[in-house]
Amino acid sequence: MGDVITGLDKKAQANLDVFSSTLQELASTDRQILVVTSDSRGSGKLVPFGQKYPAQHIEIGIAEQNLVGVAAGLASTGKKVFAVSPACFLSARSFEQIKTDVAYSDNPVKLIGISAGVSYGALGSTHHSLHDFAALRAVHNLMVVAPADNFETEQAIRKAAELDHPIYIRFGKKPMPILTEENQEFEFGKGRIICEGNDLAIVATGETVYPALLAARKLDAIHGLKTTVVSMHTIKPLDYDLLSAVAAKGCPILTVEEHSVFGGLGEACASFLIQNGFRNRFKIMGIPDEYTVTGSQIEIFNHYGLSEEGITNEALALIQ
């Protein structure tokens, strides 16, 4: 596999912008597509969608539980429903409705958590979604996805539109670079190898994949260490085949996520590996068991080491 990163030298968009433009394209030829929002048109980049397709947009207001209930009802009639709300509220305030009305009832709602992780920055812990992987992984019949770049975002929305089972997809706010021009394939439940090496493996998801890739390039340039970087965009179901292949190399494994260290990508990987006999050195990077410091997303990333420098240092400590 190659390790080409085109980065910000090409026009990078926020994944939410790609989500919006892809949804508009799909809705132009498919009247079954509906968008339901909870006073989140602006932050979800969906104002243009509502202007173009007012008959395909339903505004619920600040009532996230109603949002999910309405979306489930519409999906039960055959509509392709995208329920869009801030990830922190969608995954917590509406948990009962997601569990019962969507997952238990097998209504194929596409739950879209926007401004995920610490995207809301200085608004603080009330507006951060560092629990959504943990909470929603525990719900049967619900896929959990965190696209890393614009390519993964577009593919996830196109495939979700045709999915006949429930799915939760989370997006952040900042512009994201194109991670690689190779291995341009996307399938739910199948991680994507961004670059490949035998000295270390970094398994990341969502907006932490980019700093993980930067760290891998730095480890190579300065220390001569060759790193495999995996975009594990689907947290559930996890790509056990790819994880097994990575672990079979015997190298240390570092997981990185914009989520609590409890119950997310790292613990999902650790659980599988230890139960299947792998004994690689292993470390989970994420947000520790505390309410986050106040600051922008970048400042919070830097504080907790979810940055190029922080991941590089953690990788070196794990290898030594």
C-alpha atoms as a PDB file:
ATOM      1  CA  MET A   1       0.000   0.000   0.000  1.00  0.00           C
ATOM      2  CA  GLY A   2       1.143   3.542  -0.614  1.00  0.00           C
ATOM      3  CA  ASP A   3       1.318   6.386   1.828  1.00  0.00           C
ATOM      4  CA  VAL A   4       0.395   9.282  -0.434  1.00  0.00           C
ATOM      5  CA  ILE A   5      -1.176  12.131   1.444  1.00  0.00           C
ATOM      6  CA  THR A   6      -2.461  14.983  -0.646  1.00  0.00           C
ATOM      7  CA  GLY A   7      -3.388  16.961   2.446  1.00  0.00           C
ATOM      8  CA  LEU A   8      -4.543  20.537   2.386  1.00  0.00           C
ATOM      9  CA  ASP A   9      -2.836  21.353  -0.924  1.00  0.00           C
ATOM     10  CA  LYS A  10      -6.110  20.246  -2.489  1.00  0.00           C
ATOM     11  CA  LYS A  11      -9.369  21.881  -1.543  1.00  0.00           C
ATOM     12  CA  ALA A  12     -10.209  20.325   1.788  1.00  0.00           C
ATOM     13  CA  GLN A  13     -13.754  20.528   3.010  1.00  0.00           C
ATOM     14  CA  ALA A  14     -15.326  19.744   6.332  1.00  0.00           C
ATOM     15  CA  ASN A  15     -16.894  16.310   6.204  1.00  0.00           C
ATOM     16  CA  LEU A  16     -20.199  17.985   7.038  1.00  0.00           C
ATOM     17  CA  ASP A  17     -19.999  20.004   3.814  1.00  0.00           C
ATOM     18  CA  VAL A  18     -19.467  16.798   1.855  1.00  0.00           C
ATOM     19  CA  PHE A  19     -22.347  15.196   3.736  1.00  0.00           C
ATOM     20  CA  SER A  20     -24.627  18.076   2.749  1.00  0.00           C
ATOM     21  CA  SER A  21     -23.618  18.215  -0.912  1.00  0.00           C
ATOM     22  CA  THR A  22     -23.871  14.428  -1.302  1.00  0.00           C
ATOM     23  CA  LEU A  23     -27.294  14.400   0.314  1.00  0.00           C
ATOM     24  CA  GLN A  24     -28.491  17.165  -2.001  1.00  0.00           C
ATOM     25  CA  GLU A  25     -27.307  15.196  -5.028  1.00  0.00           C
ATOM     26  CA  LEU A  26     -29.072  12.055  -3.863  1.00  0.00           C
ATOM     27  CA  ALA A  27     -32.287  13.905  -3.022  1.00  0.00           C
ATOM     28  CA  SER A  28     -32.423  15.461  -6.483  1.00  0.00           C
ATOM     29  CA  THR A  29     -33.305  12.072  -7.977  1.00  0.00           C
ATOM     30  CA  ASP A  30     -34.790  10.268  -4.990  1.00  0.00           C
ATOM     31  CA  ARG A  31     -37.934  11.732  -3.425  1.00  0.00           C
ATOM     32  CA  GLN A  32     -37.849   9.056  -0.729  1.00  0.00           C
ATOM     33  CA  ILE A  33     -34.934  10.827   0.954  1.00  0.00           C
ATOM     34  CA  LEU A  34     -36.027  12.944   3.917  1.00  0.00           C
ATOM     35  CA  VAL A  35     -33.993  15.037   6.342  1.00  0.00           C
ATOM     36  CA  VAL A  36     -35.245  15.608   9.874  1.00  0.00           C
ATOM     37  CA  THR A  37     -33.467  18.223  11.986  1.00  0.00           C
ATOM     38  CA  SER A  38     -33.613  19.486  15.567  1.00  0.00           C
ATOM     39  CA  ASP A  39     -32.913  23.181  14.999  1.00  0.00           C
ATOM     40  CA  SER A  40     -29.645  22.003  13.441  1.00  0.00           C
ATOM     41  CA  ARG A  41     -29.933  23.105   9.822  1.00  0.00           C
ATOM     42  CA  GLY A  42     -27.172  25.670  10.152  1.00  0.00           C
ATOM     43  CA  SER A  43     -24.661  23.619  12.085  1.00  0.00           C
ATOM     44  CA  GLY A  44     -25.473  20.605   9.909  1.00  0.00           C
ATOM     45  CA  LYS A  45     -24.823  22.609   6.722  1.00  0.00           C
ATOM     46  CA  LEU A  46     -28.357  21.775   5.592  1.00  0.00           C
ATOM     47  CA  VAL A  47     -29.789  25.220   4.860  1.00  0.00           C
ATOM     48  CA  PRO A  48     -29.194  24.708   1.095  1.00  0.00           C
ATOM     49  CA  PHE A  49     -30.917  21.319   1.282  1.00  0.00           C
ATOM     50  CA  GLY A  50     -34.009  22.863   2.849  1.00  0.00           C
ATOM     51  CA  GLN A  51     -34.081  25.633   0.271  1.00  0.00           C
ATOM     52  CA  LYS A  52     -33.826  23.209  -2.657  1.00  0.00           C
ATOM     53  CA  TYR A  53     -36.056  20.466  -1.308  1.00  0.00           C
ATOM     54  CA  PRO A  54     -38.469  21.967   1.245  1.00  0.00           C
ATOM     55  CA  ALA A  55     -40.869  19.048   0.853  1.00  0.00           C
ATOM     56  CA  GLN A  56     -38.088  16.658   1.871  1.00  0.00           C
ATOM     57  CA  HIS A  57     -37.062  18.497   5.013  1.00  0.00           C
ATOM     58  CA  ILE A  58     -38.805  18.375   8.404  1.00  0.00           C
ATOM     59  CA  GLU A  59     -37.798  20.681  11.258  1.00  0.00           C
ATOM     60  CA  ILE A  60     -38.636  19.347  14.719  1.00  0.00           C
ATOM     61  CA  GLY A  61     -37.042  22.070  16.832  1.00  0.00           C
ATOM     62  CA  ILE A  62     -34.970  21.498  19.950  1.00  0.00           C
ATOM     63  CA  ALA A  63     -36.616  18.180  20.771  1.00  0.00           C
ATOM     64  CA  GLU A  64     -34.128  15.417  20.070  1.00  0.00           C
ATOM     65  CA  GLN A  65     -36.292  12.600  21.425  1.00  0.00           C
ATOM     66  CA  ASN A  66     -39.104  13.654  19.110  1.00  0.00           C
ATOM     67  CA  LEU A  67     -36.585  13.877  16.272  1.00  0.00           C
ATOM     68  CA  VAL A  68     -35.718  10.198  16.584  1.00  0.00           C
ATOM     69  CA  GLY A  69     -39.328   9.122  17.093  1.00  0.00           C
ATOM     70  CA  VAL A  70     -40.500  11.001  14.008  1.00  0.00           C
ATOM     71  CA  ALA A  71     -37.574   9.674  11.981  1.00  0.00           C
ATOM     72  CA  ALA A  72     -38.360   6.110  13.041  1.00  0.00           C
ATOM     73  CA  GLY A  73     -42.013   6.512  12.070  1.00  0.00           C
ATOM     74  CA  LEU A  74     -41.123   7.870   8.650  1.00  0.00           C
ATOM     75  CA  ALA A  75     -38.545   5.133   8.073  1.00  0.00           C
ATOM     76  CA  SER A  76     -41.159   2.503   8.922  1.00  0.00           C
ATOM     77  CA  THR A  77     -43.137   3.677   5.862  1.00  0.00           C
ATOM     78  CA  GLY A  78     -40.204   3.155   3.513  1.00  0.00           C
ATOM     79  CA  LYS A  79     -38.698   6.639   3.580  1.00  0.00           C
ATOM     80  CA  LYS A  80     -34.906   7.033   3.585  1.00  0.00           C
ATOM     81  CA  VAL A  81     -34.592   9.209   6.672  1.00  0.00           C
ATOM     82  CA  PHE A  82     -31.528  11.131   7.812  1.00  0.00           C
ATOM     83  CA  ALA A  83     -32.028  12.363  11.397  1.00  0.00           C
ATOM     84  CA  VAL A  84     -29.513  15.144  12.021  1.00  0.00           C
ATOM     85  CA  SER A  85     -28.654  16.547  15.442  1.00  0.00           C
ATOM     86  CA  PRO A  86     -25.568  17.420  17.538  1.00  0.00           C
ATOM     87  CA  ALA A  87     -23.897  14.148  18.459  1.00  0.00           C
ATOM     88  CA  CYS A  88     -23.783  14.983  22.158  1.00  0.00           C
ATOM     89  CA  PHE A  89     -27.580  15.303  22.378  1.00  0.00           C
ATOM     90  CA  LEU A  90     -28.544  12.722  19.770  1.00  0.00           C
ATOM     91  CA  SER A  91     -26.592   9.939  21.481  1.00  0.00           C
ATOM     92  CA  ALA A  92     -27.517  10.840  25.061  1.00  0.00           C
ATOM     93  CA  ARG A  93     -30.880  12.574  25.279  1.00  0.00           C
ATOM     94  CA  SER A  94     -32.373  10.327  22.571  1.00  0.00           C
ATOM     95  CA  PHE A  95     -30.755   7.088  23.704  1.00  0.00           C
ATOM     96  CA  GLU A  96     -34.042   5.405  24.646  1.00  0.00           C
ATOM     97  CA  GLN A  97     -35.636   6.287  21.307  1.00  0.00           C
ATOM     98  CA  ILE A  98     -32.568   5.065  19.410  1.00  0.00           C
ATOM     99  CA  LYS A  99     -32.581   1.796  21.344  1.00  0.00           C
ATOM    100  CA  THR A 100     -36.305   1.117  21.049  1.00  0.00           C
ATOM    101  CA  ASP A 101     -37.843   3.039  18.151  1.00  0.00           C
ATOM    102  CA  VAL A 102     -34.904   2.638  15.779  1.00  0.00           C
ATOM    103  CA  ALA A 103     -32.739  -0.373  16.622  1.00  0.00           C
ATOM    104  CA  TYR A 104     -35.197  -2.721  18.340  1.00  0.00           C
ATOM    105  CA  SER A 105     -37.867  -1.940  15.765  1.00  0.00           C
ATOM    106  CA  ASP A 106     -35.326  -2.258  12.923  1.00  0.00           C
ATOM    107  CA  ASN A 107     -36.295   1.047  11.357  1.00  0.00           C
ATOM    108  CA  PRO A 108     -33.462   1.986   8.965  1.00  0.00           C
ATOM    109  CA  VAL A 109     -32.913   5.516  10.233  1.00  0.00           C
ATOM    110  CA  LYS A 110     -29.619   7.159   9.344  1.00  0.00           C
ATOM    111  CA  LEU A 111     -28.682   8.880  12.622  1.00  0.00           C
ATOM    112  CA  ILE A 112     -26.240  11.703  11.875  1.00  0.00           C
ATOM    113  CA  GLY A 113     -24.344  13.091  14.866  1.00  0.00           C
ATOM    114  CA  ILE A 114     -22.877  16.464  13.932  1.00  0.00           C
ATOM    115  CA  SER A 115     -20.194  18.545  15.699  1.00  0.00           C
ATOM    116  CA  ALA A 116     -18.979  15.313  17.268  1.00  0.00           C
ATOM    117  CA  GLY A 117     -16.184  14.707  19.736  1.00  0.00           C
ATOM    118  CA  VAL A 118     -14.866  18.035  20.992  1.00  0.00           C
ATOM    119  CA  SER A 119     -15.846  20.004  17.887  1.00  0.00           C
ATOM    120  CA  TYR A 120     -17.878  22.425  19.993  1.00  0.00           C
ATOM    121  CA  GLY A 121     -14.634  23.304  21.752  1.00  0.00           C
ATOM    122  CA  ALA A 122     -15.076  26.011  24.352  1.00  0.00           C
ATOM    123  CA  LEU A 123     -18.767  25.226  24.867  1.00  0.00           C
ATOM    124  CA  GLY A 124     -17.439  22.552  27.164  1.00  0.00           C
ATOM    125  CA  SER A 125     -18.232  19.032  28.290  1.00  0.00           C
ATOM    126  CA  THR A 126     -22.008  19.453  28.053  1.00  0.00           C
ATOM    127  CA  HIS A 127     -21.564  19.827  24.287  1.00  0.00           C
ATOM    128  CA  HIS A 128     -18.866  17.189  23.766  1.00  0.00           C
ATOM    129  CA  SER A 129     -19.759  13.690  22.584  1.00  0.00           C
ATOM    130  CA  LEU A 130     -17.068  11.520  24.124  1.00  0.00           C
ATOM    131  CA  HIS A 131     -19.520   8.801  25.055  1.00  0.00           C
ATOM    132  CA  ASP A 132     -21.333   8.060  21.795  1.00  0.00           C
ATOM    133  CA  PHE A 133     -19.172   5.141  20.620  1.00  0.00           C
ATOM    134  CA  ALA A 134     -19.468   3.466  24.016  1.00  0.00           C
ATOM    135  CA  ALA A 135     -23.203   3.995  24.371  1.00  0.00           C
ATOM    136  CA  LEU A 136     -24.252   3.121  20.842  1.00  0.00           C
ATOM    137  CA  ARG A 137     -21.891   0.171  20.413  1.00  0.00           C
ATOM    138  CA  ALA A 138     -23.903  -1.474  23.170  1.00  0.00           C
ATOM    139  CA  VAL A 139     -27.158  -1.180  21.207  1.00  0.00           C
ATOM    140  CA  HIS A 140     -27.915  -4.277  19.158  1.00  0.00           C
ATOM    141  CA  ASN A 141     -28.657  -3.812  15.451  1.00  0.00           C
ATOM    142  CA  LEU A 142     -26.948  -0.428  15.174  1.00  0.00           C
ATOM    143  CA  MET A 143     -23.896   0.260  13.036  1.00  0.00           C
ATOM    144  CA  VAL A 144     -21.469   2.939  14.309  1.00  0.00           C
ATOM    145  CA  VAL A 145     -19.328   4.873  11.806  1.00  0.00           C
ATOM    146  CA  ALA A 146     -16.871   7.794  11.953  1.00  0.00           C
ATOM    147  CA  PRO A 147     -15.531   8.805   8.510  1.00  0.00           C
ATOM    148  CA  ALA A 148     -12.012  10.209   8.464  1.00  0.00           C
ATOM    149  CA  ASP A 149     -11.974  12.270   5.270  1.00  0.00           C
ATOM    150  CA  ASN A 150     -14.125  13.588   2.446  1.00  0.00           C
ATOM    151  CA  PHE A 151     -13.876  10.354   0.451  1.00  0.00           C
ATOM    152  CA  GLU A 152     -15.064   8.192   3.329  1.00  0.00           C
ATOM    153  CA  THR A 153     -17.841  10.682   4.070  1.00  0.00           C
ATOM    154  CA  GLU A 154     -19.252  10.690   0.549  1.00  0.00           C
ATOM    155  CA  GLN A 155     -19.122   6.912   0.331  1.00  0.00           C
ATOM    156  CA  ALA A 156     -20.700   6.465   3.760  1.00  0.00           C
ATOM    157  CA  ILE A 157     -23.664   8.706   2.901  1.00  0.00           C
ATOM    158  CA  ARG A 158     -24.246   7.067  -0.476  1.00  0.00           C
ATOM    159  CA  LYS A 159     -24.177   3.591   1.044  1.00  0.00           C
ATOM    160  CA  ALA A 160     -26.209   4.609   4.105  1.00  0.00           C
ATOM    161  CA  ALA A 161     -28.979   5.925   1.854  1.00  0.00           C
ATOM    162  CA  GLU A 162     -29.539   2.394   0.560  1.00  0.00           C
ATOM    163  CA  LEU A 163     -28.974   0.613   3.861  1.00  0.00           C
ATOM    164  CA  ASP A 164     -31.952  -1.331   5.201  1.00  0.00           C
ATOM    165  CA  HIS A 165     -30.766  -1.322   8.828  1.00  0.00           C
ATOM    166  CA  PRO A 166     -30.092   1.486  11.345  1.00  0.00           C
ATOM    167  CA  ILE A 167     -26.784   3.334  11.339  1.00  0.00           C
ATOM    168  CA  TYR A 168     -25.133   6.093  13.375  1.00  0.00           C
ATOM    169  CA  ILE A 169     -22.574   8.303  11.611  1.00  0.00           C
ATOM    170  CA  ARG A 170     -20.691  11.085  13.375  1.00  0.00           C
ATOM    171  CA  PHE A 171     -18.992  14.134  11.852  1.00  0.00           C
ATOM    172  CA  GLY A 172     -16.729  16.878  13.154  1.00  0.00           C
ATOM    173  CA  LYS A 173     -16.505  20.458  11.917  1.00  0.00           C
ATOM    174  CA  LYS A 174     -13.006  21.162  10.637  1.00  0.00           C
ATOM    175  CA  PRO A 175     -11.736  20.801   7.035  1.00  0.00           C
ATOM    176  CA  MET A 176     -10.250  17.364   6.452  1.00  0.00           C
ATOM    177  CA  PRO A 177      -7.527  16.498   3.923  1.00  0.00           C
ATOM    178  CA  ILE A 178      -7.680  13.664   1.442  1.00  0.00           C
ATOM    179  CA  LEU A 179      -5.779  10.937   3.261  1.00  0.00           C
ATOM    180  CA  THR A 180      -4.687   8.816   0.335  1.00  0.00           C
ATOM    181  CA  GLU A 181      -5.252   8.424  -3.383  1.00  0.00           C
ATOM    182  CA  GLU A 182      -4.649   4.687  -3.128  1.00  0.00           C
ATOM    183  CA  ASN A 183      -6.953   1.979  -1.778  1.00  0.00           C
ATOM    184  CA  GLN A 184      -9.942   4.098  -2.732  1.00  0.00           C
ATOM    185  CA  GLU A 185     -12.471   1.522  -1.709  1.00  0.00           C
ATOM    186  CA  PHE A 186     -15.043   1.868   1.029  1.00  0.00           C
ATOM    187  CA  GLU A 187     -17.236  -0.699   2.680  1.00  0.00           C
ATOM    188  CA  PHE A 188     -18.945  -0.565   6.041  1.00  0.00           C
ATOM    189  CA  GLY A 189     -17.194  -2.917   8.447  1.00  0.00           C
ATOM    190  CA  LYS A 190     -13.933  -2.892   6.463  1.00  0.00           C
ATOM    191  CA  GLY A 191     -11.108  -0.643   7.666  1.00  0.00           C
ATOM    192  CA  ARG A 192      -8.931   1.213   5.197  1.00  0.00           C
ATOM    193  CA  ILE A 193      -5.136   0.921   5.213  1.00  0.00           C
ATOM    194  CA  ILE A 194      -3.711   4.402   4.647  1.00  0.00           C
ATOM    195  CA  CYS A 195      -0.051   3.376   4.792  1.00  0.00           C
ATOM    196  CA  GLU A 196       1.723   0.186   5.736  1.00  0.00           C
ATOM    197  CA  GLY A 197       4.788  -0.877   7.725  1.00  0.00           C
ATOM    198  CA  ASN A 198       5.989  -3.569  10.124  1.00  0.00           C
ATOM    199  CA  ASP A 199       7.385  -1.625  13.081  1.00  0.00           C
ATOM    200  CA  LEU A 200       4.173  -0.193  14.519  1.00  0.00           C
ATOM    201  CA  ALA A 201       0.446  -0.054  13.830  1.00  0.00           C
ATOM    202  CA  ILE A 202      -1.799   2.921  14.551  1.00  0.00           C
ATOM    203  CA  VAL A 203      -5.513   2.194  14.370  1.00  0.00           C
ATOM    204  CA  ALA A 204      -7.473   5.440  14.389  1.00  0.00           C
ATOM    205  CA  THR A 205     -10.947   6.656  13.538  1.00  0.00           C
ATOM    206  CA  GLY A 206     -12.616   9.869  12.420  1.00  0.00           C
ATOM    207  CA  GLU A 207     -10.648  13.092  12.692  1.00  0.00           C
ATOM    208  CA  THR A 208      -7.761  11.460  14.578  1.00  0.00           C
ATOM    209  CA  VAL A 209      -6.659   9.517  11.491  1.00  0.00           C
ATOM    210  CA  TYR A 210      -4.972  12.575   9.963  1.00  0.00           C
ATOM    211  CA  PRO A 211      -2.709  13.373  12.952  1.00  0.00           C
ATOM    212  CA  ALA A 212      -1.978   9.637  13.187  1.00  0.00           C
ATOM    213  CA  LEU A 213      -0.799   9.679   9.578  1.00  0.00           C
ATOM    214  CA  LEU A 214       1.331  12.767  10.193  1.00  0.00           C
ATOM    215  CA  ALA A 215       2.900  10.998  13.171  1.00  0.00           C
ATOM    216  CA  ALA A 216       3.616   7.941  11.010  1.00  0.00           C
ATOM    217  CA  ARG A 217       5.401  10.089   8.453  1.00  0.00           C
ATOM    218  CA  LYS A 218       7.428  11.750  11.209  1.00  0.00           C
ATOM    219  CA  LEU A 219       8.370   8.391  12.722  1.00  0.00           C
ATOM    220  CA  ASP A 220       9.637   7.304   9.318  1.00  0.00           C
ATOM    221  CA  ALA A 221      11.497  10.524   8.498  1.00  0.00           C
ATOM    222  CA  ILE A 222      13.243  10.945  11.845  1.00  0.00           C
ATOM    223  CA  HIS A 223      13.439   7.457  13.334  1.00  0.00           C
ATOM    224  CA  GLY A 224      13.228   5.178  10.304  1.00  0.00           C
ATOM    225  CA  LEU A 225      10.180   3.423  11.716  1.00  0.00           C
ATOM    226  CA  LYS A 226       7.653   2.053   9.251  1.00  0.00           C
ATOM    227  CA  THR A 227       4.087   2.336  10.481  1.00  0.00           C
ATOM    228  CA  THR A 228       0.783   0.878   9.390  1.00  0.00           C
ATOM    229  CA  VAL A 229      -2.026   3.417   9.741  1.00  0.00           C
ATOM    230  CA  VAL A 230      -5.581   2.109   9.602  1.00  0.00           C
ATOM    231  CA  SER A 231      -8.677   4.265   9.238  1.00  0.00           C
ATOM    232  CA  MET A 232     -11.098   2.133  11.231  1.00  0.00           C
ATOM    233  CA  HIS A 233     -14.088   4.153  10.108  1.00  0.00           C
ATOM    234  CA  THR A 234     -16.565   1.510  11.264  1.00  0.00           C
ATOM    235  CA  ILE A 235     -16.433   1.088  15.024  1.00  0.00           C
ATOM    236  CA  LYS A 236     -19.221  -1.485  14.901  1.00  0.00           C
ATOM    237  CA  PRO A 237     -18.992  -3.952  13.301  1.00  0.00           C
ATOM    238  CA  LEU A 238     -15.226  -3.861  13.725  1.00  0.00           C
ATOM    239  CA  ASP A 239     -13.029  -5.247  10.966  1.00  0.00           C
ATOM    240  CA  TYR A 240     -11.723  -8.273  12.833  1.00  0.00           C
ATOM    241  CA  ASP A 241      -9.964  -9.676   9.763  1.00  0.00           C
ATOM    242  CA  LEU A 242      -7.895  -6.541   9.254  1.00  0.00           C
ATOM    243  CA  LEU A 243      -7.191  -6.194  12.974  1.00  0.00           C
ATOM    244  CA  SER A 244      -5.999  -9.812  13.071  1.00  0.00           C
ATOM    245  CA  ALA A 245      -3.726  -9.257  10.063  1.00  0.00           C
ATOM    246  CA  VAL A 246      -2.205  -6.161  11.654  1.00  0.00           C
ATOM    247  CA  ALA A 247      -1.691  -7.892  15.003  1.00  0.00           C
ATOM    248  CA  ALA A 248      -0.187 -10.962  13.314  1.00  0.00           C
ATOM    249  CA  LYS A 249       2.850  -8.846  12.426  1.00  0.00           C
ATOM    250  CA  GLY A 250       3.698  -8.853  16.137  1.00  0.00           C
ATOM    251  CA  CYS A 251       4.234  -5.094  16.232  1.00  0.00           C
ATOM    252  CA  PRO A 252       2.954  -2.759  18.959  1.00  0.00           C
ATOM    253  CA  ILE A 253      -0.539  -1.357  18.342  1.00  0.00           C
ATOM    254  CA  LEU A 254      -1.661   2.151  19.233  1.00  0.00           C
ATOM    255  CA  THR A 255      -5.317   3.157  18.952  1.00  0.00           C
ATOM    256  CA  VAL A 256      -6.347   6.809  18.668  1.00  0.00           C
ATOM    257  CA  GLU A 257      -9.840   8.268  18.966  1.00  0.00           C
ATOM    258  CA  GLU A 258     -11.689  11.503  19.707  1.00  0.00           C
ATOM    259  CA  HIS A 259     -13.623   9.768  22.447  1.00  0.00           C
ATOM    260  CA  SER A 260     -13.275   8.621  26.025  1.00  0.00           C
ATOM    261  CA  VAL A 261     -10.680   5.913  26.561  1.00  0.00           C
ATOM    262  CA  PHE A 262     -13.578   3.887  27.942  1.00  0.00           C
ATOM    263  CA  GLY A 263     -15.853   1.905  25.660  1.00  0.00           C
ATOM    264  CA  GLY A 264     -14.711   3.171  22.271  1.00  0.00           C
ATOM    265  CA  LEU A 265     -12.426   2.021  19.472  1.00  0.00           C
ATOM    266  CA  GLY A 266      -9.506   1.168  21.755  1.00  0.00           C
ATOM    267  CA  GLU A 267     -11.442  -1.058  24.104  1.00  0.00           C
ATOM    268  CA  ALA A 268     -13.211  -2.727  21.163  1.00  0.00           C
ATOM    269  CA  CYS A 269      -9.829  -3.582  19.625  1.00  0.00           C
ATOM    270  CA  ALA A 270      -8.322  -4.685  22.953  1.00  0.00           C
ATOM    271  CA  SER A 271     -11.268  -6.949  23.713  1.00  0.00           C
ATOM    272  CA  PHE A 272     -11.002  -8.728  20.386  1.00  0.00           C
ATOM    273  CA  LEU A 273      -7.225  -9.088  20.485  1.00  0.00           C
ATOM    274  CA  ILE A 274      -6.918 -10.465  24.004  1.00  0.00           C
ATOM    275  CA  GLN A 275      -9.832 -12.872  23.531  1.00  0.00           C
ATOM    276  CA  ASN A 276      -8.197 -14.231  20.386  1.00  0.00           C
ATOM    277  CA  GLY A 277      -4.754 -14.864  21.798  1.00  0.00           C
ATOM    278  CA  PHE A 278      -2.836 -11.839  20.509  1.00  0.00           C
ATOM    279  CA  ARG A 279      -0.271 -10.399  22.907  1.00  0.00           C
ATOM    280  CA  ASN A 280       0.977  -7.303  21.099  1.00  0.00           C
ATOM    281  CA  ARG A 281       2.057  -4.321  23.166  1.00  0.00           C
ATOM    282  CA  PHE A 282      -1.006  -2.109  23.155  1.00  0.00           C
ATOM    283  CA  LYS A 283      -2.002   1.428  24.124  1.00  0.00           C
ATOM    284  CA  ILE A 284      -5.284   3.368  23.914  1.00  0.00           C
ATOM    285  CA  MET A 285      -5.105   7.096  23.214  1.00  0.00           C
ATOM    286  CA  GLY A 286      -8.210   9.193  23.781  1.00  0.00           C
ATOM    287  CA  ILE A 287      -9.747  11.510  26.349  1.00  0.00           C
ATOM    288  CA  PRO A 288      -9.060  10.390  29.945  1.00  0.00           C
ATOM    289  CA  ASP A 289     -11.643  10.029  32.701  1.00  0.00           C
ATOM    290  CA  GLU A 290     -12.187  13.733  33.309  1.00  0.00           C
ATOM    291  CA  TYR A 291     -14.201  16.669  32.073  1.00  0.00           C
ATOM    292  CA  THR A 292     -12.165  18.193  29.276  1.00  0.00           C
ATOM    293  CA  VAL A 293     -10.181  21.377  29.472  1.00  0.00           C
ATOM    294  CA  THR A 294     -11.740  24.414  27.845  1.00  0.00           C
ATOM    295  CA  GLY A 295     -10.474  25.371  24.414  1.00  0.00           C
ATOM    296  CA  SER A 296     -10.797  24.835  20.692  1.00  0.00           C
ATOM    297  CA  GLN A 297     -10.745  21.358  19.201  1.00  0.00           C
ATOM    298  CA  ILE A 298      -7.088  21.795  18.239  1.00  0.00           C
ATOM    299  CA  GLU A 299      -6.188  23.021  21.722  1.00  0.00           C
ATOM    300  CA  ILE A 300      -7.981  20.077  23.308  1.00  0.00           C
ATOM    301  CA  PHE A 301      -6.278  17.660  20.906  1.00  0.00           C
ATOM    302  CA  ASN A 302      -2.894  19.141  21.799  1.00  0.00           C
ATOM    303  CA  HIS A 303      -3.603  19.027  25.520  1.00  0.00           C
ATOM    304  CA  TYR A 304      -4.454  15.319  25.457  1.00  0.00           C
ATOM    305  CA  GLY A 305      -1.782  14.326  22.974  1.00  0.00           C
ATOM    306  CA  LEU A 306      -4.127  13.618  20.052  1.00  0.00           C
ATOM    307  CA  SER A 307      -1.774  15.525  17.763  1.00  0.00           C
ATOM    308  CA  GLU A 308       1.125  14.691  15.490  1.00  0.00           C
ATOM    309  CA  GLU A 309       3.614  15.329  18.283  1.00  0.00           C
ATOM    310  CA  GLY A 310       1.592  13.584  20.966  1.00  0.00           C
ATOM    311  CA  ILE A 311       0.971  10.467  18.897  1.00  0.00           C
ATOM    312  CA  THR A 312       4.637  10.369  17.838  1.00  0.00           C
ATOM    313  CA  ASN A 313       5.793  10.499  21.453  1.00  0.00           C
ATOM    314  CA  GLU A 314       3.321   7.839  22.546  1.00  0.00           C
ATOM    315  CA  ALA A 315       4.386   5.599  19.677  1.00  0.00           C
ATOM    316  CA  LEU A 316       8.062   5.906  20.592  1.00  0.00           C
ATOM    317  CA  ALA A 317       7.301   5.102  24.223  1.00  0.00           C
ATOM    318  CA  LEU A 318       5.308   2.044  23.159  1.00  0.00           C
ATOM    319  CA  ILE A 319       8.053   0.730  20.887  1.00  0.00           C
ATOM    320  CA  GLN A 320      10.899   1.163  23.369  1.00  0.00           C
END
